[in-house]
């Protein structure tokens, strides 16, 4: 770490955040499970393969079109466990609440968390609540952890991408990031922007039902699709080529990004996944995704290539190519 103080950039999911993990955290806690740096830990227990994940949520504002911090926290951990190839089963919930927080708002958040857990088919089995003095936190922070079972013959990880894989994206990108930003800044558009927060575990199960050749799964949250692809390219030592004209984007998101100067490739998503699938199974997996309510806009956005090792590049609409680098710092703090 080059900075002598922790910055917002250290929580971005980009290059600076990655250095915090590799330079400070990993050397202290280093072990083969953690060193994989997947969305969650994958390990064996009494002959069963399991996945475990944890995440903390500090989104601002806590209520936004399409969801709130509560269902975001449930869906986020469900999805992280699912991206390990597991069926999420049990969750914990930790609440850090600011003194003076409105009880009606807390009740609304908790009810939405319960509804999200039921929709995902998971059970909240333990948790903790702390109340801190006014000003010690901003209203409410939530931590969720989750555990699930990985079925036999499922082996997905960021290091498993291989040349020839096609890259399936389950729907439009940047919906969550741009929705939260416009709400935060009090901006309004003629077309309503809405977050994409959603559980993806049922979609993942449907994908595995039709193919044993799904190699990588990732939900591109902080840092967006661009950063997630770079992490996979680095871990797998492969090149990744995507096509600008294949990226699914809502018109209102394009308009907002152009107005505000953001690249949608680096904005957060909370209900989308990237799947690296063998060429022969890609169409079958794509069909399974589009049959799911959360995957109706899914499409193939690129492929894994043998050259350009550990690099991501994009073929532009006019036929040129440009490098898609990992997000350097924090575009939008407090996004999830």
C-alpha atoms as a PDB file:
ATOM      1  CA  UNK A   1       0.000   0.000   0.000  1.00  0.00           C
ATOM      2  CA  UNK A   2       1.447   3.335  -1.065  1.00  0.00           C
ATOM      3  CA  UNK A   3      -0.926   5.476   1.028  1.00  0.00           C
ATOM      4  CA  UNK A   4      -0.266   5.875   4.766  1.00  0.00           C
ATOM      5  CA  UNK A   5      -4.015   6.268   5.382  1.00  0.00           C
ATOM      6  CA  UNK A   6      -7.054   4.260   4.385  1.00  0.00           C
ATOM      7  CA  UNK A   7      -9.002   5.961   1.597  1.00  0.00           C
ATOM      8  CA  UNK A   8     -12.441   5.386   0.127  1.00  0.00           C
ATOM      9  CA  UNK A   9     -10.567   3.903  -2.841  1.00  0.00           C
ATOM     10  CA  UNK A  10      -9.470   0.999  -0.629  1.00  0.00           C
ATOM     11  CA  UNK A  11     -13.072  -0.220  -0.595  1.00  0.00           C
ATOM     12  CA  UNK A  12     -13.693   0.155  -4.321  1.00  0.00           C
ATOM     13  CA  UNK A  13     -13.094  -3.407  -5.475  1.00  0.00           C
ATOM     14  CA  UNK A  14     -10.484  -2.037  -7.920  1.00  0.00           C
ATOM     15  CA  UNK A  15      -6.690  -1.918  -8.038  1.00  0.00           C
ATOM     16  CA  UNK A  16      -6.203  -0.084  -4.738  1.00  0.00           C
ATOM     17  CA  UNK A  17      -8.679  -2.335  -2.952  1.00  0.00           C
ATOM     18  CA  UNK A  18      -6.938  -5.375  -4.444  1.00  0.00           C
ATOM     19  CA  UNK A  19      -3.590  -4.149  -3.067  1.00  0.00           C
ATOM     20  CA  UNK A  20      -5.075  -3.759   0.412  1.00  0.00           C
ATOM     21  CA  UNK A  21      -6.088  -7.409   0.276  1.00  0.00           C
ATOM     22  CA  UNK A  22      -2.845  -8.763  -1.179  1.00  0.00           C
ATOM     23  CA  UNK A  23      -0.380  -6.508   0.668  1.00  0.00           C
ATOM     24  CA  UNK A  24      -1.895  -6.305   4.158  1.00  0.00           C
ATOM     25  CA  UNK A  25      -4.623  -8.895   4.727  1.00  0.00           C
ATOM     26  CA  UNK A  26      -3.434 -11.927   2.782  1.00  0.00           C
ATOM     27  CA  UNK A  27       0.090 -12.054   4.324  1.00  0.00           C
ATOM     28  CA  UNK A  28      -1.420 -12.182   7.829  1.00  0.00           C
ATOM     29  CA  UNK A  29      -4.235 -14.666   7.170  1.00  0.00           C
ATOM     30  CA  UNK A  30      -2.626 -16.544   4.285  1.00  0.00           C
ATOM     31  CA  UNK A  31      -3.903 -20.061   3.650  1.00  0.00           C
ATOM     32  CA  UNK A  32      -4.793 -22.044   0.514  1.00  0.00           C
ATOM     33  CA  UNK A  33      -8.533 -21.347   0.822  1.00  0.00           C
ATOM     34  CA  UNK A  34      -8.201 -17.579   1.226  1.00  0.00           C
ATOM     35  CA  UNK A  35      -5.480 -17.330  -1.428  1.00  0.00           C
ATOM     36  CA  UNK A  36      -7.978 -18.304  -4.134  1.00  0.00           C
ATOM     37  CA  UNK A  37      -9.677 -14.902  -3.631  1.00  0.00           C
ATOM     38  CA  UNK A  38     -13.004 -16.060  -5.031  1.00  0.00           C
ATOM     39  CA  UNK A  39     -16.404 -14.540  -4.145  1.00  0.00           C
ATOM     40  CA  UNK A  40     -16.425 -16.909  -1.189  1.00  0.00           C
ATOM     41  CA  UNK A  41     -14.345 -19.608   0.462  1.00  0.00           C
ATOM     42  CA  UNK A  42     -14.613 -23.147  -0.923  1.00  0.00           C
ATOM     43  CA  UNK A  43     -13.628 -25.966   1.440  1.00  0.00           C
ATOM     44  CA  UNK A  44     -14.405 -29.567   2.408  1.00  0.00           C
ATOM     45  CA  UNK A  45     -16.051 -30.625   5.669  1.00  0.00           C
ATOM     46  CA  UNK A  46     -16.712 -34.279   6.447  1.00  0.00           C
ATOM     47  CA  UNK A  47     -16.622 -35.144   2.761  1.00  0.00           C
ATOM     48  CA  UNK A  48     -18.935 -32.310   1.705  1.00  0.00           C
ATOM     49  CA  UNK A  49     -17.808 -29.367  -0.425  1.00  0.00           C
ATOM     50  CA  UNK A  50     -19.048 -26.103   1.015  1.00  0.00           C
ATOM     51  CA  UNK A  51     -18.964 -22.393   0.243  1.00  0.00           C
ATOM     52  CA  UNK A  52     -18.878 -19.594   2.795  1.00  0.00           C
ATOM     53  CA  UNK A  53     -19.050 -15.849   2.190  1.00  0.00           C
ATOM     54  CA  UNK A  54     -19.462 -12.615   4.144  1.00  0.00           C
ATOM     55  CA  UNK A  55     -20.101  -9.019   3.142  1.00  0.00           C
ATOM     56  CA  UNK A  56     -20.966  -5.687   4.753  1.00  0.00           C
ATOM     57  CA  UNK A  57     -23.392  -3.144   3.315  1.00  0.00           C
ATOM     58  CA  UNK A  58     -23.246   0.630   3.801  1.00  0.00           C
ATOM     59  CA  UNK A  59     -25.251   1.862   0.802  1.00  0.00           C
ATOM     60  CA  UNK A  60     -26.314   5.519   0.655  1.00  0.00           C
ATOM     61  CA  UNK A  61     -29.243   6.125   0.339  1.00  0.00           C
ATOM     62  CA  UNK A  62     -30.538   3.129   2.265  1.00  0.00           C
ATOM     63  CA  UNK A  63     -33.823   3.168   0.310  1.00  0.00           C
ATOM     64  CA  UNK A  64     -33.731   3.354  -3.488  1.00  0.00           C
ATOM     65  CA  UNK A  65     -35.991   2.387  -6.415  1.00  0.00           C
ATOM     66  CA  UNK A  66     -36.087  -1.398  -6.631  1.00  0.00           C
ATOM     67  CA  UNK A  67     -34.862  -2.165  -3.133  1.00  0.00           C
ATOM     68  CA  UNK A  68     -33.145  -1.077   0.053  1.00  0.00           C
ATOM     69  CA  UNK A  69     -30.091  -1.930   2.123  1.00  0.00           C
ATOM     70  CA  UNK A  70     -31.906  -4.929   3.619  1.00  0.00           C
ATOM     71  CA  UNK A  71     -32.782  -6.985   0.552  1.00  0.00           C
ATOM     72  CA  UNK A  72     -29.490  -5.866  -0.992  1.00  0.00           C
ATOM     73  CA  UNK A  73     -27.639  -7.495   1.928  1.00  0.00           C
ATOM     74  CA  UNK A  74     -29.550 -10.777   1.637  1.00  0.00           C
ATOM     75  CA  UNK A  75     -29.258 -10.963  -2.158  1.00  0.00           C
ATOM     76  CA  UNK A  76     -25.592  -9.985  -2.142  1.00  0.00           C
ATOM     77  CA  UNK A  77     -24.499 -12.822   0.120  1.00  0.00           C
ATOM     78  CA  UNK A  78     -26.828 -15.336  -1.545  1.00  0.00           C
ATOM     79  CA  UNK A  79     -25.216 -14.426  -4.863  1.00  0.00           C
ATOM     80  CA  UNK A  80     -21.654 -14.629  -3.554  1.00  0.00           C
ATOM     81  CA  UNK A  81     -22.305 -18.152  -2.273  1.00  0.00           C
ATOM     82  CA  UNK A  82     -23.987 -19.087  -5.568  1.00  0.00           C
ATOM     83  CA  UNK A  83     -21.003 -17.784  -7.560  1.00  0.00           C
ATOM     84  CA  UNK A  84     -18.956 -20.515  -5.849  1.00  0.00           C
ATOM     85  CA  UNK A  85     -21.283 -23.079  -7.428  1.00  0.00           C
ATOM     86  CA  UNK A  86     -23.105 -23.710  -4.148  1.00  0.00           C
ATOM     87  CA  UNK A  87     -26.749 -23.883  -3.168  1.00  0.00           C
ATOM     88  CA  UNK A  88     -27.055 -21.202  -0.448  1.00  0.00           C
ATOM     89  CA  UNK A  89     -28.698 -22.550   2.710  1.00  0.00           C
ATOM     90  CA  UNK A  90     -28.147 -20.478   5.854  1.00  0.00           C
ATOM     91  CA  UNK A  91     -27.375 -16.820   6.539  1.00  0.00           C
ATOM     92  CA  UNK A  92     -26.409 -14.678   9.497  1.00  0.00           C
ATOM     93  CA  UNK A  93     -27.401 -11.025   9.870  1.00  0.00           C
ATOM     94  CA  UNK A  94     -25.443  -8.415  11.829  1.00  0.00           C
ATOM     95  CA  UNK A  95     -26.917  -4.944  12.346  1.00  0.00           C
ATOM     96  CA  UNK A  96     -25.032  -1.825  13.449  1.00  0.00           C
ATOM     97  CA  UNK A  97     -27.652   0.843  14.077  1.00  0.00           C
ATOM     98  CA  UNK A  98     -27.181   4.513  14.844  1.00  0.00           C
ATOM     99  CA  UNK A  99     -28.914   5.839  17.946  1.00  0.00           C
ATOM    100  CA  UNK A 100     -32.037   7.717  16.882  1.00  0.00           C
ATOM    101  CA  UNK A 101     -32.660   5.651  13.750  1.00  0.00           C
ATOM    102  CA  UNK A 102     -36.377   5.532  12.924  1.00  0.00           C
ATOM    103  CA  UNK A 103     -37.990   2.319  14.170  1.00  0.00           C
ATOM    104  CA  UNK A 104     -40.388   2.364  11.200  1.00  0.00           C
ATOM    105  CA  UNK A 105     -37.451   2.378   8.783  1.00  0.00           C
ATOM    106  CA  UNK A 106     -35.795  -0.501  10.637  1.00  0.00           C
ATOM    107  CA  UNK A 107     -39.022  -2.498  10.525  1.00  0.00           C
ATOM    108  CA  UNK A 108     -39.320  -1.907   6.770  1.00  0.00           C
ATOM    109  CA  UNK A 109     -35.727  -3.031   6.208  1.00  0.00           C
ATOM    110  CA  UNK A 110     -36.161  -6.190   8.299  1.00  0.00           C
ATOM    111  CA  UNK A 111     -39.397  -7.117   6.522  1.00  0.00           C
ATOM    112  CA  UNK A 112     -37.699  -6.730   3.132  1.00  0.00           C
ATOM    113  CA  UNK A 113     -34.832  -8.916   4.349  1.00  0.00           C
ATOM    114  CA  UNK A 114     -37.310 -11.618   5.330  1.00  0.00           C
ATOM    115  CA  UNK A 115     -39.054 -11.434   1.958  1.00  0.00           C
ATOM    116  CA  UNK A 116     -35.703 -11.610   0.131  1.00  0.00           C
ATOM    117  CA  UNK A 117     -34.633 -14.656   2.179  1.00  0.00           C
ATOM    118  CA  UNK A 118     -37.870 -16.458   1.363  1.00  0.00           C
ATOM    119  CA  UNK A 119     -37.536 -15.644  -2.334  1.00  0.00           C
ATOM    120  CA  UNK A 120     -33.992 -17.024  -2.379  1.00  0.00           C
ATOM    121  CA  UNK A 121     -34.975 -20.075  -0.321  1.00  0.00           C
ATOM    122  CA  UNK A 122     -32.476 -19.432   2.482  1.00  0.00           C
ATOM    123  CA  UNK A 123     -32.908 -19.287   6.260  1.00  0.00           C
ATOM    124  CA  UNK A 124     -31.492 -16.657   8.610  1.00  0.00           C
ATOM    125  CA  UNK A 125     -30.318 -18.714  11.582  1.00  0.00           C
ATOM    126  CA  UNK A 126     -28.207 -16.346  13.684  1.00  0.00           C
ATOM    127  CA  UNK A 127     -27.225 -12.713  14.025  1.00  0.00           C
ATOM    128  CA  UNK A 128     -26.248  -9.790  16.200  1.00  0.00           C
ATOM    129  CA  UNK A 129     -27.429  -6.236  16.841  1.00  0.00           C
ATOM    130  CA  UNK A 130     -25.387  -3.287  18.074  1.00  0.00           C
ATOM    131  CA  UNK A 131     -26.602   0.266  18.668  1.00  0.00           C
ATOM    132  CA  UNK A 132     -23.912   2.947  18.624  1.00  0.00           C
ATOM    133  CA  UNK A 133     -24.004   6.652  19.582  1.00  0.00           C
ATOM    134  CA  UNK A 134     -25.388   9.118  17.079  1.00  0.00           C
ATOM    135  CA  UNK A 135     -22.737   9.973  14.505  1.00  0.00           C
ATOM    136  CA  UNK A 136     -20.727   6.786  15.031  1.00  0.00           C
ATOM    137  CA  UNK A 137     -22.229   5.278  11.864  1.00  0.00           C
ATOM    138  CA  UNK A 138     -24.446   6.663   9.124  1.00  0.00           C
ATOM    139  CA  UNK A 139     -27.920   5.351  10.097  1.00  0.00           C
ATOM    140  CA  UNK A 140     -27.430   1.596   9.605  1.00  0.00           C
ATOM    141  CA  UNK A 141     -24.765  -0.837   8.420  1.00  0.00           C
ATOM    142  CA  UNK A 142     -25.553  -4.504   7.766  1.00  0.00           C
ATOM    143  CA  UNK A 143     -23.300  -7.558   7.589  1.00  0.00           C
ATOM    144  CA  UNK A 144     -24.535 -10.843   6.163  1.00  0.00           C
ATOM    145  CA  UNK A 145     -22.676 -14.140   5.992  1.00  0.00           C
ATOM    146  CA  UNK A 146     -23.837 -17.246   4.196  1.00  0.00           C
ATOM    147  CA  UNK A 147     -23.024 -20.900   3.795  1.00  0.00           C
ATOM    148  CA  UNK A 148     -24.075 -23.434   1.171  1.00  0.00           C
ATOM    149  CA  UNK A 149     -23.377 -26.866  -0.283  1.00  0.00           C
ATOM    150  CA  UNK A 150     -21.618 -27.390  -3.625  1.00  0.00           C
ATOM    151  CA  UNK A 151     -23.130 -30.276  -5.624  1.00  0.00           C
ATOM    152  CA  UNK A 152     -20.816 -33.041  -6.892  1.00  0.00           C
ATOM    153  CA  UNK A 153     -19.025 -32.400 -10.190  1.00  0.00           C
ATOM    154  CA  UNK A 154     -19.398 -28.600  -9.899  1.00  0.00           C
ATOM    155  CA  UNK A 155     -16.075 -26.789 -10.072  1.00  0.00           C
ATOM    156  CA  UNK A 156     -16.219 -23.058 -10.741  1.00  0.00           C
ATOM    157  CA  UNK A 157     -13.482 -20.592  -9.815  1.00  0.00           C
ATOM    158  CA  UNK A 158     -11.866 -17.436 -11.157  1.00  0.00           C
ATOM    159  CA  UNK A 159      -8.807 -19.437 -12.234  1.00  0.00           C
ATOM    160  CA  UNK A 160     -10.820 -21.834 -14.448  1.00  0.00           C
ATOM    161  CA  UNK A 161     -11.352 -19.721 -17.576  1.00  0.00           C
ATOM    162  CA  UNK A 162      -9.870 -21.330 -20.655  1.00  0.00           C
ATOM    163  CA  UNK A 163      -9.332 -20.363 -24.291  1.00  0.00           C
ATOM    164  CA  UNK A 164     -12.478 -20.903 -26.324  1.00  0.00           C
ATOM    165  CA  UNK A 165     -14.899 -20.170 -23.488  1.00  0.00           C
ATOM    166  CA  UNK A 166     -17.723 -17.831 -24.345  1.00  0.00           C
ATOM    167  CA  UNK A 167     -18.714 -15.158 -21.849  1.00  0.00           C
ATOM    168  CA  UNK A 168     -22.403 -14.886 -21.014  1.00  0.00           C
ATOM    169  CA  UNK A 169     -23.756 -11.818 -19.214  1.00  0.00           C
ATOM    170  CA  UNK A 170     -27.178 -12.360 -17.642  1.00  0.00           C
ATOM    171  CA  UNK A 171     -28.610  -8.909 -18.380  1.00  0.00           C
ATOM    172  CA  UNK A 172     -28.234  -5.160 -18.587  1.00  0.00           C
ATOM    173  CA  UNK A 173     -25.344  -3.599 -16.689  1.00  0.00           C
ATOM    174  CA  UNK A 174     -24.910  -0.573 -14.402  1.00  0.00           C
ATOM    175  CA  UNK A 175     -28.577  -0.500 -13.348  1.00  0.00           C
ATOM    176  CA  UNK A 176     -27.847  -0.513  -9.616  1.00  0.00           C
ATOM    177  CA  UNK A 177     -24.913   1.872  -9.668  1.00  0.00           C
ATOM    178  CA  UNK A 178     -26.596   4.553 -11.731  1.00  0.00           C
ATOM    179  CA  UNK A 179     -29.882   4.224  -9.785  1.00  0.00           C
ATOM    180  CA  UNK A 180     -28.192   4.756  -6.428  1.00  0.00           C
ATOM    181  CA  UNK A 181     -26.122   7.646  -7.779  1.00  0.00           C
ATOM    182  CA  UNK A 182     -29.083   9.530  -9.227  1.00  0.00           C
ATOM    183  CA  UNK A 183     -31.068   9.034  -6.010  1.00  0.00           C
ATOM    184  CA  UNK A 184     -28.138  10.266  -3.949  1.00  0.00           C
ATOM    185  CA  UNK A 185     -27.738  13.379  -6.049  1.00  0.00           C
ATOM    186  CA  UNK A 186     -31.467  14.065  -6.338  1.00  0.00           C
ATOM    187  CA  UNK A 187     -31.454  13.732 -10.110  1.00  0.00           C
ATOM    188  CA  UNK A 188     -34.581  12.806 -12.036  1.00  0.00           C
ATOM    189  CA  UNK A 189     -35.028  11.351 -15.507  1.00  0.00           C
ATOM    190  CA  UNK A 190     -38.124  10.946 -17.659  1.00  0.00           C
ATOM    191  CA  UNK A 191     -37.614   7.168 -17.685  1.00  0.00           C
ATOM    192  CA  UNK A 192     -37.514   5.559 -14.231  1.00  0.00           C
ATOM    193  CA  UNK A 193     -34.204   4.039 -13.190  1.00  0.00           C
ATOM    194  CA  UNK A 194     -34.417   0.986 -10.927  1.00  0.00           C
ATOM    195  CA  UNK A 195     -31.867  -1.187  -9.143  1.00  0.00           C
ATOM    196  CA  UNK A 196     -31.386  -4.763 -10.338  1.00  0.00           C
ATOM    197  CA  UNK A 197     -30.920  -6.287  -6.869  1.00  0.00           C
ATOM    198  CA  UNK A 198     -32.073  -9.915  -7.078  1.00  0.00           C
ATOM    199  CA  UNK A 199     -31.126 -13.453  -5.971  1.00  0.00           C
ATOM    200  CA  UNK A 200     -29.307 -15.438  -8.647  1.00  0.00           C
ATOM    201  CA  UNK A 201     -29.051 -18.844  -6.966  1.00  0.00           C
ATOM    202  CA  UNK A 202     -32.049 -20.317  -8.779  1.00  0.00           C
ATOM    203  CA  UNK A 203     -30.613 -19.164 -12.112  1.00  0.00           C
ATOM    204  CA  UNK A 204     -27.281 -20.801 -11.283  1.00  0.00           C
ATOM    205  CA  UNK A 205     -29.011 -24.073 -10.397  1.00  0.00           C
ATOM    206  CA  UNK A 206     -30.837 -23.988 -13.741  1.00  0.00           C
ATOM    207  CA  UNK A 207     -27.543 -23.434 -15.559  1.00  0.00           C
ATOM    208  CA  UNK A 208     -25.935 -26.444 -13.897  1.00  0.00           C
ATOM    209  CA  UNK A 209     -28.958 -28.548 -14.772  1.00  0.00           C
ATOM    210  CA  UNK A 210     -28.157 -28.182 -18.495  1.00  0.00           C
ATOM    211  CA  UNK A 211     -24.331 -28.061 -18.483  1.00  0.00           C
ATOM    212  CA  UNK A 212     -21.301 -29.452 -16.687  1.00  0.00           C
ATOM    213  CA  UNK A 213     -19.075 -26.994 -18.557  1.00  0.00           C
ATOM    214  CA  UNK A 214     -19.607 -23.764 -16.654  1.00  0.00           C
ATOM    215  CA  UNK A 215     -16.059 -22.820 -15.664  1.00  0.00           C
ATOM    216  CA  UNK A 216     -16.343 -19.400 -13.988  1.00  0.00           C
ATOM    217  CA  UNK A 217     -19.175 -17.530 -12.292  1.00  0.00           C
ATOM    218  CA  UNK A 218     -18.944 -13.982 -11.011  1.00  0.00           C
ATOM    219  CA  UNK A 219     -21.442 -11.317  -9.976  1.00  0.00           C
ATOM    220  CA  UNK A 220     -19.879  -8.004 -11.049  1.00  0.00           C
ATOM    221  CA  UNK A 221     -20.759  -5.824  -8.056  1.00  0.00           C
ATOM    222  CA  UNK A 222     -18.215  -3.206  -6.917  1.00  0.00           C
ATOM    223  CA  UNK A 223     -15.991  -2.258  -9.831  1.00  0.00           C
ATOM    224  CA  UNK A 224     -18.518  -3.570 -12.333  1.00  0.00           C
ATOM    225  CA  UNK A 225     -18.055  -5.850 -15.309  1.00  0.00           C
ATOM    226  CA  UNK A 226     -14.720  -4.314 -16.320  1.00  0.00           C
ATOM    227  CA  UNK A 227     -13.037  -4.999 -12.989  1.00  0.00           C
ATOM    228  CA  UNK A 228     -14.540  -8.493 -12.634  1.00  0.00           C
ATOM    229  CA  UNK A 229     -13.260  -9.491 -16.085  1.00  0.00           C
ATOM    230  CA  UNK A 230      -9.776  -8.236 -15.236  1.00  0.00           C
ATOM    231  CA  UNK A 231      -9.697 -10.261 -12.033  1.00  0.00           C
ATOM    232  CA  UNK A 232     -10.680 -13.397 -13.937  1.00  0.00           C
ATOM    233  CA  UNK A 233      -8.142 -12.741 -16.713  1.00  0.00           C
ATOM    234  CA  UNK A 234      -5.385 -12.308 -14.125  1.00  0.00           C
ATOM    235  CA  UNK A 235      -6.311 -15.383 -12.076  1.00  0.00           C
ATOM    236  CA  UNK A 236      -6.676 -17.619 -15.148  1.00  0.00           C
ATOM    237  CA  UNK A 237      -3.753 -16.166 -17.115  1.00  0.00           C
ATOM    238  CA  UNK A 238      -5.905 -15.775 -20.235  1.00  0.00           C
ATOM    239  CA  UNK A 239      -6.932 -13.014 -22.586  1.00  0.00           C
ATOM    240  CA  UNK A 240     -10.527 -11.813 -22.656  1.00  0.00           C
ATOM    241  CA  UNK A 241     -12.133 -10.161 -25.657  1.00  0.00           C
ATOM    242  CA  UNK A 242     -15.513  -8.440 -25.394  1.00  0.00           C
ATOM    243  CA  UNK A 243     -17.602  -6.626 -27.976  1.00  0.00           C
ATOM    244  CA  UNK A 244     -18.928  -3.146 -27.327  1.00  0.00           C
ATOM    245  CA  UNK A 245     -22.026  -3.654 -29.462  1.00  0.00           C
ATOM    246  CA  UNK A 246     -22.941  -6.777 -27.475  1.00  0.00           C
ATOM    247  CA  UNK A 247     -23.037  -5.082 -24.060  1.00  0.00           C
ATOM    248  CA  UNK A 248     -26.673  -4.920 -22.892  1.00  0.00           C
ATOM    249  CA  UNK A 249     -27.529  -1.434 -21.641  1.00  0.00           C
ATOM    250  CA  UNK A 250     -30.827   0.275 -20.948  1.00  0.00           C
ATOM    251  CA  UNK A 251     -31.266   3.543 -22.834  1.00  0.00           C
ATOM    252  CA  UNK A 252     -31.869   5.485 -19.645  1.00  0.00           C
ATOM    253  CA  UNK A 253     -28.641   4.106 -18.140  1.00  0.00           C
ATOM    254  CA  UNK A 254     -26.697   5.094 -21.270  1.00  0.00           C
ATOM    255  CA  UNK A 255     -28.181   8.576 -21.104  1.00  0.00           C
ATOM    256  CA  UNK A 256     -27.400   9.004 -17.415  1.00  0.00           C
ATOM    257  CA  UNK A 257     -23.828   7.743 -17.873  1.00  0.00           C
ATOM    258  CA  UNK A 258     -23.235  10.118 -20.779  1.00  0.00           C
ATOM    259  CA  UNK A 259     -24.657  13.032 -18.804  1.00  0.00           C
ATOM    260  CA  UNK A 260     -22.641  12.276 -15.667  1.00  0.00           C
ATOM    261  CA  UNK A 261     -19.423  11.051 -17.321  1.00  0.00           C
ATOM    262  CA  UNK A 262     -19.408   7.450 -16.073  1.00  0.00           C
ATOM    263  CA  UNK A 263     -18.358   4.308 -17.899  1.00  0.00           C
ATOM    264  CA  UNK A 264     -21.082   1.666 -17.334  1.00  0.00           C
ATOM    265  CA  UNK A 265     -18.438  -1.079 -17.480  1.00  0.00           C
ATOM    266  CA  UNK A 266     -17.265   0.011 -14.026  1.00  0.00           C
ATOM    267  CA  UNK A 267     -20.598   0.629 -12.296  1.00  0.00           C
ATOM    268  CA  UNK A 268     -21.992  -1.808  -9.738  1.00  0.00           C
ATOM    269  CA  UNK A 269     -24.543  -4.506 -10.511  1.00  0.00           C
ATOM    270  CA  UNK A 270     -26.491  -6.397  -7.842  1.00  0.00           C
ATOM    271  CA  UNK A 271     -28.532  -8.881  -9.857  1.00  0.00           C
ATOM    272  CA  UNK A 272     -26.335  -9.901 -12.775  1.00  0.00           C
ATOM    273  CA  UNK A 273     -23.757 -12.626 -13.358  1.00  0.00           C
ATOM    274  CA  UNK A 274     -20.936 -13.412 -15.744  1.00  0.00           C
ATOM    275  CA  UNK A 275     -20.594 -17.045 -16.806  1.00  0.00           C
ATOM    276  CA  UNK A 276     -17.608 -18.477 -18.672  1.00  0.00           C
ATOM    277  CA  UNK A 277     -18.905 -21.516 -20.535  1.00  0.00           C
ATOM    278  CA  UNK A 278     -17.369 -23.930 -23.025  1.00  0.00           C
ATOM    279  CA  UNK A 279     -18.208 -23.018 -26.609  1.00  0.00           C
ATOM    280  CA  UNK A 280     -20.266 -26.166 -27.185  1.00  0.00           C
ATOM    281  CA  UNK A 281     -22.546 -25.472 -24.195  1.00  0.00           C
ATOM    282  CA  UNK A 282     -22.793 -21.676 -24.398  1.00  0.00           C
ATOM    283  CA  UNK A 283     -26.067 -21.541 -26.328  1.00  0.00           C
ATOM    284  CA  UNK A 284     -27.680 -24.097 -24.024  1.00  0.00           C
ATOM    285  CA  UNK A 285     -26.626 -22.175 -20.913  1.00  0.00           C
ATOM    286  CA  UNK A 286     -27.755 -18.893 -22.474  1.00  0.00           C
ATOM    287  CA  UNK A 287     -31.192 -20.405 -23.128  1.00  0.00           C
ATOM    288  CA  UNK A 288     -31.440 -21.536 -19.484  1.00  0.00           C
ATOM    289  CA  UNK A 289     -30.538 -18.041 -18.283  1.00  0.00           C
ATOM    290  CA  UNK A 290     -33.006 -16.250 -20.561  1.00  0.00           C
ATOM    291  CA  UNK A 291     -35.767 -18.564 -19.338  1.00  0.00           C
ATOM    292  CA  UNK A 292     -35.224 -17.211 -15.813  1.00  0.00           C
ATOM    293  CA  UNK A 293     -37.131 -14.001 -14.928  1.00  0.00           C
ATOM    294  CA  UNK A 294     -33.862 -12.277 -13.992  1.00  0.00           C
ATOM    295  CA  UNK A 295     -32.085 -13.283 -17.213  1.00  0.00           C
ATOM    296  CA  UNK A 296     -34.412 -12.145 -20.000  1.00  0.00           C
ATOM    297  CA  UNK A 297     -31.795  -9.720 -21.400  1.00  0.00           C
ATOM    298  CA  UNK A 298     -28.882 -12.188 -21.250  1.00  0.00           C
ATOM    299  CA  UNK A 299     -26.421 -12.312 -24.125  1.00  0.00           C
ATOM    300  CA  UNK A 300     -22.934 -13.482 -25.080  1.00  0.00           C
ATOM    301  CA  UNK A 301     -20.613 -10.482 -24.762  1.00  0.00           C
ATOM    302  CA  UNK A 302     -17.234 -12.016 -25.583  1.00  0.00           C
ATOM    303  CA  UNK A 303     -14.828 -14.902 -25.473  1.00  0.00           C
ATOM    304  CA  UNK A 304     -11.604 -16.138 -23.929  1.00  0.00           C
ATOM    305  CA  UNK A 305      -8.596 -16.034 -26.259  1.00  0.00           C
ATOM    306  CA  UNK A 306      -5.162 -17.628 -26.151  1.00  0.00           C
ATOM    307  CA  UNK A 307      -3.213 -14.386 -26.649  1.00  0.00           C
ATOM    308  CA  UNK A 308      -3.212 -11.143 -24.610  1.00  0.00           C
ATOM    309  CA  UNK A 309      -2.612 -13.131 -21.415  1.00  0.00           C
ATOM    310  CA  UNK A 310      -4.106 -11.530 -18.273  1.00  0.00           C
ATOM    311  CA  UNK A 311      -5.544  -8.665 -20.346  1.00  0.00           C
ATOM    312  CA  UNK A 312      -9.079  -7.594 -21.227  1.00  0.00           C
ATOM    313  CA  UNK A 313      -9.717  -5.755 -24.466  1.00  0.00           C
ATOM    314  CA  UNK A 314     -12.818  -4.600 -26.265  1.00  0.00           C
ATOM    315  CA  UNK A 315     -13.653  -4.465 -29.938  1.00  0.00           C
ATOM    316  CA  UNK A 316     -15.395  -1.122 -30.382  1.00  0.00           C
ATOM    317  CA  UNK A 317     -18.425  -0.402 -32.524  1.00  0.00           C
ATOM    318  CA  UNK A 318     -16.216   1.153 -35.214  1.00  0.00           C
ATOM    319  CA  UNK A 319     -13.948  -1.888 -35.409  1.00  0.00           C
ATOM    320  CA  UNK A 320     -11.023  -0.722 -33.292  1.00  0.00           C
ATOM    321  CA  UNK A 321      -9.729  -2.216 -30.059  1.00  0.00           C
ATOM    322  CA  UNK A 322      -9.058  -0.733 -26.650  1.00  0.00           C
ATOM    323  CA  UNK A 323      -7.767  -2.106 -23.388  1.00  0.00           C
ATOM    324  CA  UNK A 324     -10.323  -2.467 -20.590  1.00  0.00           C
ATOM    325  CA  UNK A 325      -8.251  -1.999 -17.451  1.00  0.00           C
ATOM    326  CA  UNK A 326      -9.200  -2.718 -13.861  1.00  0.00           C
ATOM    327  CA  UNK A 327     -10.892   0.166 -12.057  1.00  0.00           C
ATOM    328  CA  UNK A 328      -8.148   2.112 -10.283  1.00  0.00           C
ATOM    329  CA  UNK A 329     -10.068   3.760  -7.432  1.00  0.00           C
ATOM    330  CA  UNK A 330     -13.542   4.550  -6.179  1.00  0.00           C
ATOM    331  CA  UNK A 331     -16.021   5.857  -8.756  1.00  0.00           C
ATOM    332  CA  UNK A 332     -19.017   5.756  -6.425  1.00  0.00           C
ATOM    333  CA  UNK A 333     -18.494   5.263  -2.681  1.00  0.00           C
ATOM    334  CA  UNK A 334     -21.234   3.712  -0.513  1.00  0.00           C
ATOM    335  CA  UNK A 335     -22.815   1.934  -3.494  1.00  0.00           C
ATOM    336  CA  UNK A 336     -23.436  -1.387  -1.749  1.00  0.00           C
END
